[in-house]
Amino acid sequence: MKPGNEPGEDFDTRKVHGAIIREKSEPSEKFRAAPWWLKHGIYAPLAMWGIWYLIVASGGFRWDEYSEGYFRTFVPETTEETTPAPVSNDPKALIAEGETVYTAVCAACHQATGTGLPGAFPPLAGSDWVNGTEEKIILPVLHGLVGEIVVNGETWNGAMPAQGATLDDRKVAAVLSYIRSSWGNSAPPVTPESVTTLREKFKDHAPWTAADLEAALAE
């Protein structure tokens, strides 16, 4: 009996078993259906995210629109003209606007308190010019004022620059209304219409002198 053979066997079991061990396994198909947990745990959320992204980033599916990350409400274009809100000529509104204009344009010379600067700029507080006729203060603001003037009995000799080119009629009326109601002054407010009338009447006038102004107001 050959080594490795059992009694009654006529073949070498080691050779047979060795051949079996060396034998490769049958090939199997590698592509299999994804397990259910992969479908529901990854594919489903990914599909939901894709739908959401299309809605958000589509820009309404307009050819001329791209709005990543934001919803947009499309409003039909209209050619109707909107009527601007009417501007109030209420004296309180004018005075409030006038304070802003005064701070930006006038306060450097006449001071925030309206007291002016001795020897340079006359006071506005308690001024007979400020509390006089509105024409007497509108025209110097529009066209400027040069030469000697008398304010509250005191003579001043200087120059006031014209503001008509930089301030529209409403701003002129507003700042004068503020001046005529501040620091103890109690004159009536100035209306934009009054400024417009005088601007047109004395269009392109040179800076006034006190004498020219008195003569124009006496006409």
C-alpha atoms as a PDB file:
ATOM      1  CA  MET A   1       0.000   0.000   0.000  1.00  0.00           C
ATOM      2  CA  LYS A   2       1.291   3.338  -1.008  1.00  0.00           C
ATOM      3  CA  PRO A   3       1.935   5.909   1.662  1.00  0.00           C
ATOM      4  CA  GLY A   4      -1.111   8.054   2.326  1.00  0.00           C
ATOM      5  CA  ASN A   5      -3.587   5.409   1.120  1.00  0.00           C
ATOM      6  CA  GLU A   6      -6.157   4.075   3.437  1.00  0.00           C
ATOM      7  CA  PRO A   7      -6.792   0.338   3.488  1.00  0.00           C
ATOM      8  CA  GLY A   8      -9.040  -0.578   0.631  1.00  0.00           C
ATOM      9  CA  GLU A   9      -8.273   2.580  -1.392  1.00  0.00           C
ATOM     10  CA  ASP A  10      -6.447   2.332  -4.687  1.00  0.00           C
ATOM     11  CA  PHE A  11      -5.612   6.035  -5.069  1.00  0.00           C
ATOM     12  CA  ASP A  12      -3.516   8.541  -3.309  1.00  0.00           C
ATOM     13  CA  THR A  13      -5.881  10.718  -1.242  1.00  0.00           C
ATOM     14  CA  ARG A  14      -3.272  13.453  -0.872  1.00  0.00           C
ATOM     15  CA  LYS A  15      -3.108  13.966  -4.601  1.00  0.00           C
ATOM     16  CA  VAL A  16      -6.896  14.093  -4.902  1.00  0.00           C
ATOM     17  CA  HIS A  17      -7.293  16.497  -2.017  1.00  0.00           C
ATOM     18  CA  GLY A  18      -4.452  18.629  -3.319  1.00  0.00           C
ATOM     19  CA  ALA A  19      -6.178  18.926  -6.694  1.00  0.00           C
ATOM     20  CA  ILE A  20      -9.408  19.934  -4.990  1.00  0.00           C
ATOM     21  CA  ILE A  21      -7.630  22.571  -2.909  1.00  0.00           C
ATOM     22  CA  ARG A  22      -5.945  23.965  -5.970  1.00  0.00           C
ATOM     23  CA  GLU A  23      -9.184  24.110  -7.889  1.00  0.00           C
ATOM     24  CA  LYS A  24     -10.440  27.745  -8.250  1.00  0.00           C
ATOM     25  CA  SER A  25     -13.968  28.580  -7.213  1.00  0.00           C
ATOM     26  CA  GLU A  26     -16.605  29.150  -9.794  1.00  0.00           C
ATOM     27  CA  PRO A  27     -16.828  32.802 -10.949  1.00  0.00           C
ATOM     28  CA  SER A  28     -19.799  34.763  -9.599  1.00  0.00           C
ATOM     29  CA  GLU A  29     -21.529  37.937 -10.824  1.00  0.00           C
ATOM     30  CA  LYS A  30     -20.060  41.037  -9.136  1.00  0.00           C
ATOM     31  CA  PHE A  31     -22.858  43.524  -9.921  1.00  0.00           C
ATOM     32  CA  ARG A  32     -25.683  43.111  -7.482  1.00  0.00           C
ATOM     33  CA  ALA A  33     -28.635  45.323  -6.514  1.00  0.00           C
ATOM     34  CA  ALA A  34     -27.875  47.918  -3.861  1.00  0.00           C
ATOM     35  CA  PRO A  35     -29.105  46.974  -0.429  1.00  0.00           C
ATOM     36  CA  TRP A  36     -32.296  48.640   0.810  1.00  0.00           C
ATOM     37  CA  TRP A  37     -30.542  50.671   3.485  1.00  0.00           C
ATOM     38  CA  LEU A  38     -28.357  52.311   0.837  1.00  0.00           C
ATOM     39  CA  LYS A  39     -31.353  53.238  -1.289  1.00  0.00           C
ATOM     40  CA  HIS A  40     -33.347  54.789   1.539  1.00  0.00           C
ATOM     41  CA  GLY A  41     -30.450  56.162   3.587  1.00  0.00           C
ATOM     42  CA  ILE A  42     -28.461  57.900   0.831  1.00  0.00           C
ATOM     43  CA  TYR A  43     -30.325  57.984  -2.471  1.00  0.00           C
ATOM     44  CA  ALA A  44     -33.631  59.265  -1.110  1.00  0.00           C
ATOM     45  CA  PRO A  45     -32.182  62.276   0.782  1.00  0.00           C
ATOM     46  CA  LEU A  46     -29.986  63.055  -2.211  1.00  0.00           C
ATOM     47  CA  ALA A  47     -32.998  63.060  -4.502  1.00  0.00           C
ATOM     48  CA  MET A  48     -34.941  65.314  -2.143  1.00  0.00           C
ATOM     49  CA  TRP A  49     -32.003  67.754  -1.970  1.00  0.00           C
ATOM     50  CA  GLY A  50     -31.795  67.839  -5.761  1.00  0.00           C
ATOM     51  CA  ILE A  51     -35.484  68.747  -6.061  1.00  0.00           C
ATOM     52  CA  TRP A  52     -35.118  71.474  -3.420  1.00  0.00           C
ATOM     53  CA  TYR A  53     -32.046  72.921  -5.152  1.00  0.00           C
ATOM     54  CA  LEU A  54     -33.828  73.084  -8.487  1.00  0.00           C
ATOM     55  CA  ILE A  55     -36.682  75.029  -6.916  1.00  0.00           C
ATOM     56  CA  VAL A  56     -34.389  77.452  -5.093  1.00  0.00           C
ATOM     57  CA  ALA A  57     -31.769  78.049  -7.776  1.00  0.00           C
ATOM     58  CA  SER A  58     -33.881  77.855 -10.897  1.00  0.00           C
ATOM     59  CA  GLY A  59     -34.658  81.574 -10.988  1.00  0.00           C
ATOM     60  CA  GLY A  60     -38.240  80.771 -11.830  1.00  0.00           C
ATOM     61  CA  PHE A  61     -36.907  78.875 -14.866  1.00  0.00           C
ATOM     62  CA  ARG A  62     -36.522  82.211 -16.634  1.00  0.00           C
ATOM     63  CA  TRP A  63     -33.927  82.401 -19.381  1.00  0.00           C
ATOM     64  CA  ASP A  64     -32.646  85.760 -18.106  1.00  0.00           C
ATOM     65  CA  GLU A  65     -32.617  85.025 -14.388  1.00  0.00           C
ATOM     66  CA  TYR A  66     -30.231  83.271 -12.045  1.00  0.00           C
ATOM     67  CA  SER A  67     -30.722  83.606  -8.309  1.00  0.00           C
ATOM     68  CA  GLU A  68     -28.709  81.048  -6.418  1.00  0.00           C
ATOM     69  CA  GLY A  69     -29.909  80.376  -2.930  1.00  0.00           C
ATOM     70  CA  TYR A  70     -32.860  82.751  -2.857  1.00  0.00           C
ATOM     71  CA  PHE A  71     -36.504  82.676  -3.710  1.00  0.00           C
ATOM     72  CA  ARG A  72     -37.749  85.614  -5.737  1.00  0.00           C
ATOM     73  CA  THR A  73     -41.228  86.928  -6.186  1.00  0.00           C
ATOM     74  CA  PHE A  74     -41.760  88.144  -9.704  1.00  0.00           C
ATOM     75  CA  VAL A  75     -43.857  91.276  -9.966  1.00  0.00           C
ATOM     76  CA  PRO A  76     -45.269  92.130 -13.387  1.00  0.00           C
ATOM     77  CA  GLU A  77     -43.692  95.235 -14.816  1.00  0.00           C
ATOM     78  CA  THR A  78     -45.963  98.223 -15.047  1.00  0.00           C
ATOM     79  CA  THR A  79     -45.682 101.448 -16.972  1.00  0.00           C
ATOM     80  CA  GLU A  80     -48.015 103.354 -14.686  1.00  0.00           C
ATOM     81  CA  GLU A  81     -46.448 106.439 -13.194  1.00  0.00           C
ATOM     82  CA  THR A  82     -46.674 106.766  -9.449  1.00  0.00           C
ATOM     83  CA  THR A  83     -47.708 110.105  -8.063  1.00  0.00           C
ATOM     84  CA  PRO A  84     -45.143 111.418  -5.573  1.00  0.00           C
ATOM     85  CA  ALA A  85     -46.384 112.172  -2.117  1.00  0.00           C
ATOM     86  CA  PRO A  86     -47.280 115.849  -1.747  1.00  0.00           C
ATOM     87  CA  VAL A  87     -44.704 117.949   0.086  1.00  0.00           C
ATOM     88  CA  SER A  88     -46.123 119.554   3.188  1.00  0.00           C
ATOM     89  CA  ASN A  89     -45.885 123.332   3.533  1.00  0.00           C
ATOM     90  CA  ASP A  90     -46.876 123.109   7.156  1.00  0.00           C
ATOM     91  CA  PRO A  91     -44.849 125.731   9.079  1.00  0.00           C
ATOM     92  CA  LYS A  92     -43.655 123.141  11.592  1.00  0.00           C
ATOM     93  CA  ALA A  93     -42.333 120.946   8.788  1.00  0.00           C
ATOM     94  CA  LEU A  94     -40.608 123.910   7.150  1.00  0.00           C
ATOM     95  CA  ILE A  95     -39.023 125.023  10.415  1.00  0.00           C
ATOM     96  CA  ALA A  96     -37.718 121.505  11.084  1.00  0.00           C
ATOM     97  CA  GLU A  97     -36.157 121.387   7.619  1.00  0.00           C
ATOM     98  CA  GLY A  98     -34.836 124.908   8.057  1.00  0.00           C
ATOM     99  CA  GLU A  99     -32.868 123.985  11.151  1.00  0.00           C
ATOM    100  CA  THR A 100     -30.907 121.442   9.111  1.00  0.00           C
ATOM    101  CA  VAL A 101     -30.222 123.989   6.373  1.00  0.00           C
ATOM    102  CA  TYR A 102     -29.183 126.634   8.901  1.00  0.00           C
ATOM    103  CA  THR A 103     -26.715 124.279  10.564  1.00  0.00           C
ATOM    104  CA  ALA A 104     -25.129 123.397   7.223  1.00  0.00           C
ATOM    105  CA  VAL A 105     -25.110 126.826   5.551  1.00  0.00           C
ATOM    106  CA  CYS A 106     -25.536 129.694   8.026  1.00  0.00           C
ATOM    107  CA  ALA A 107     -24.253 128.671  11.444  1.00  0.00           C
ATOM    108  CA  ALA A 108     -20.577 129.141  10.585  1.00  0.00           C
ATOM    109  CA  CYS A 109     -21.088 132.918  10.285  1.00  0.00           C
ATOM    110  CA  HIS A 110     -24.152 133.712  12.375  1.00  0.00           C
ATOM    111  CA  GLN A 111     -23.406 130.997  14.966  1.00  0.00           C
ATOM    112  CA  ALA A 112     -25.684 128.264  16.244  1.00  0.00           C
ATOM    113  CA  THR A 113     -27.233 130.703  18.718  1.00  0.00           C
ATOM    114  CA  GLY A 114     -27.963 133.358  16.077  1.00  0.00           C
ATOM    115  CA  THR A 115     -25.790 135.907  17.888  1.00  0.00           C
ATOM    116  CA  GLY A 116     -23.362 136.439  15.002  1.00  0.00           C
ATOM    117  CA  LEU A 117     -19.729 137.493  15.458  1.00  0.00           C
ATOM    118  CA  PRO A 118     -18.876 140.996  16.742  1.00  0.00           C
ATOM    119  CA  GLY A 119     -17.398 143.187  14.023  1.00  0.00           C
ATOM    120  CA  ALA A 120     -17.918 140.571  11.331  1.00  0.00           C
ATOM    121  CA  PHE A 121     -21.423 139.128  11.088  1.00  0.00           C
ATOM    122  CA  PRO A 122     -24.581 140.772  12.468  1.00  0.00           C
ATOM    123  CA  PRO A 123     -26.885 138.915  14.855  1.00  0.00           C
ATOM    124  CA  LEU A 124     -30.072 137.238  13.722  1.00  0.00           C
ATOM    125  CA  ALA A 125     -31.514 136.896  17.211  1.00  0.00           C
ATOM    126  CA  GLY A 126     -33.752 139.894  17.849  1.00  0.00           C
ATOM    127  CA  SER A 127     -32.757 141.446  14.505  1.00  0.00           C
ATOM    128  CA  ASP A 128     -35.038 144.132  13.057  1.00  0.00           C
ATOM    129  CA  TRP A 129     -34.189 142.761   9.627  1.00  0.00           C
ATOM    130  CA  VAL A 130     -35.261 139.244  10.544  1.00  0.00           C
ATOM    131  CA  ASN A 131     -38.481 140.397  12.194  1.00  0.00           C
ATOM    132  CA  GLY A 132     -39.326 142.846   9.407  1.00  0.00           C
ATOM    133  CA  THR A 133     -40.924 142.105   6.044  1.00  0.00           C
ATOM    134  CA  GLU A 134     -40.126 138.757   4.479  1.00  0.00           C
ATOM    135  CA  GLU A 135     -38.941 140.441   1.266  1.00  0.00           C
ATOM    136  CA  LYS A 136     -36.152 142.181   3.162  1.00  0.00           C
ATOM    137  CA  ILE A 137     -34.562 138.875   4.120  1.00  0.00           C
ATOM    138  CA  ILE A 138     -35.530 136.744   1.119  1.00  0.00           C
ATOM    139  CA  LEU A 139     -33.738 138.921  -1.453  1.00  0.00           C
ATOM    140  CA  PRO A 140     -30.368 139.070   0.376  1.00  0.00           C
ATOM    141  CA  VAL A 141     -30.416 135.299   0.750  1.00  0.00           C
ATOM    142  CA  LEU A 142     -31.149 134.831  -2.961  1.00  0.00           C
ATOM    143  CA  HIS A 143     -28.699 137.373  -4.401  1.00  0.00           C
ATOM    144  CA  GLY A 144     -26.327 138.347  -1.588  1.00  0.00           C
ATOM    145  CA  LEU A 145     -25.790 141.616   0.302  1.00  0.00           C
ATOM    146  CA  VAL A 146     -22.779 143.988   0.266  1.00  0.00           C
ATOM    147  CA  GLY A 147     -21.813 147.310   1.849  1.00  0.00           C
ATOM    148  CA  GLU A 148     -22.938 148.972   5.034  1.00  0.00           C
ATOM    149  CA  ILE A 149     -26.159 147.939   6.737  1.00  0.00           C
ATOM    150  CA  VAL A 150     -27.691 148.971  10.031  1.00  0.00           C
ATOM    151  CA  VAL A 151     -28.970 146.205  12.325  1.00  0.00           C
ATOM    152  CA  ASN A 152     -30.614 147.202  15.611  1.00  0.00           C
ATOM    153  CA  GLY A 153     -28.997 150.634  15.307  1.00  0.00           C
ATOM    154  CA  GLU A 154     -25.471 149.267  14.819  1.00  0.00           C
ATOM    155  CA  THR A 155     -23.609 149.642  11.525  1.00  0.00           C
ATOM    156  CA  TRP A 156     -22.058 146.595   9.897  1.00  0.00           C
ATOM    157  CA  ASN A 157     -19.907 146.560   6.788  1.00  0.00           C
ATOM    158  CA  GLY A 158     -19.362 143.231   5.162  1.00  0.00           C
ATOM    159  CA  ALA A 159     -20.625 140.880   2.499  1.00  0.00           C
ATOM    160  CA  MET A 160     -23.205 138.127   2.538  1.00  0.00           C
ATOM    161  CA  PRO A 161     -22.799 135.526  -0.236  1.00  0.00           C
ATOM    162  CA  ALA A 162     -25.750 134.687  -2.467  1.00  0.00           C
ATOM    163  CA  GLN A 163     -27.412 131.318  -1.722  1.00  0.00           C
ATOM    164  CA  GLY A 164     -30.008 131.276  -4.498  1.00  0.00           C
ATOM    165  CA  ALA A 165     -27.917 129.072  -6.747  1.00  0.00           C
ATOM    166  CA  THR A 166     -27.417 126.390  -4.122  1.00  0.00           C
ATOM    167  CA  LEU A 167     -30.719 126.504  -2.224  1.00  0.00           C
ATOM    168  CA  ASP A 168     -34.046 125.908  -3.927  1.00  0.00           C
ATOM    169  CA  ASP A 169     -37.154 127.905  -3.043  1.00  0.00           C
ATOM    170  CA  ARG A 170     -38.314 125.453  -0.393  1.00  0.00           C
ATOM    171  CA  LYS A 171     -34.960 125.394   1.394  1.00  0.00           C
ATOM    172  CA  VAL A 172     -34.770 129.201   1.364  1.00  0.00           C
ATOM    173  CA  ALA A 173     -38.274 129.383   2.823  1.00  0.00           C
ATOM    174  CA  ALA A 174     -37.443 126.692   5.361  1.00  0.00           C
ATOM    175  CA  VAL A 175     -34.269 128.284   6.686  1.00  0.00           C
ATOM    176  CA  LEU A 176     -35.857 131.747   6.884  1.00  0.00           C
ATOM    177  CA  SER A 177     -38.888 130.304   8.680  1.00  0.00           C
ATOM    178  CA  TYR A 178     -36.526 128.701  11.167  1.00  0.00           C
ATOM    179  CA  ILE A 179     -34.624 131.961  11.710  1.00  0.00           C
ATOM    180  CA  ARG A 180     -37.826 134.007  12.124  1.00  0.00           C
ATOM    181  CA  SER A 181     -39.082 131.619  14.829  1.00  0.00           C
ATOM    182  CA  SER A 182     -35.873 131.050  16.816  1.00  0.00           C
ATOM    183  CA  TRP A 183     -33.853 132.847  19.522  1.00  0.00           C
ATOM    184  CA  GLY A 184     -36.790 134.991  20.575  1.00  0.00           C
ATOM    185  CA  ASN A 185     -37.854 135.975  17.039  1.00  0.00           C
ATOM    186  CA  SER A 186     -41.583 135.726  16.395  1.00  0.00           C
ATOM    187  CA  ALA A 187     -42.111 136.743  12.761  1.00  0.00           C
ATOM    188  CA  PRO A 188     -44.439 134.787  10.451  1.00  0.00           C
ATOM    189  CA  PRO A 189     -42.933 131.889   8.455  1.00  0.00           C
ATOM    190  CA  VAL A 190     -41.873 132.314   4.830  1.00  0.00           C
ATOM    191  CA  THR A 191     -43.599 130.253   2.147  1.00  0.00           C
ATOM    192  CA  PRO A 192     -41.863 128.684  -0.867  1.00  0.00           C
ATOM    193  CA  GLU A 193     -44.329 130.537  -3.093  1.00  0.00           C
ATOM    194  CA  SER A 194     -43.085 133.889  -1.783  1.00  0.00           C
ATOM    195  CA  VAL A 195     -39.512 132.903  -2.573  1.00  0.00           C
ATOM    196  CA  THR A 196     -40.485 131.765  -6.070  1.00  0.00           C
ATOM    197  CA  THR A 197     -42.248 135.062  -6.780  1.00  0.00           C
ATOM    198  CA  LEU A 198     -39.254 137.168  -5.748  1.00  0.00           C
ATOM    199  CA  ARG A 199     -36.776 134.917  -7.536  1.00  0.00           C
ATOM    200  CA  GLU A 200     -38.675 135.390 -10.796  1.00  0.00           C
ATOM    201  CA  LYS A 201     -39.261 139.111 -10.271  1.00  0.00           C
ATOM    202  CA  PHE A 202     -35.581 139.872  -9.635  1.00  0.00           C
ATOM    203  CA  LYS A 203     -34.049 137.143 -11.755  1.00  0.00           C
ATOM    204  CA  ASP A 204     -30.229 137.257 -12.016  1.00  0.00           C
ATOM    205  CA  HIS A 205     -30.033 140.344  -9.802  1.00  0.00           C
ATOM    206  CA  ALA A 206     -26.616 141.422  -8.552  1.00  0.00           C
ATOM    207  CA  PRO A 207     -25.856 141.436  -4.831  1.00  0.00           C
ATOM    208  CA  TRP A 208     -27.969 143.995  -3.054  1.00  0.00           C
ATOM    209  CA  THR A 209     -26.882 147.091  -1.180  1.00  0.00           C
ATOM    210  CA  ALA A 210     -29.027 148.426   1.630  1.00  0.00           C
ATOM    211  CA  ALA A 211     -30.028 151.436  -0.487  1.00  0.00           C
ATOM    212  CA  ASP A 212     -30.960 149.333  -3.534  1.00  0.00           C
ATOM    213  CA  LEU A 213     -32.965 147.001  -1.359  1.00  0.00           C
ATOM    214  CA  GLU A 214     -34.920 149.807   0.263  1.00  0.00           C
ATOM    215  CA  ALA A 215     -35.645 151.310  -3.123  1.00  0.00           C
ATOM    216  CA  ALA A 216     -36.854 147.991  -4.583  1.00  0.00           C
ATOM    217  CA  LEU A 217     -39.138 147.339  -1.621  1.00  0.00           C
ATOM    218  CA  ALA A 218     -40.609 150.844  -1.835  1.00  0.00           C
ATOM    219  CA  GLU A 219     -41.850 150.297  -5.394  1.00  0.00           C
END
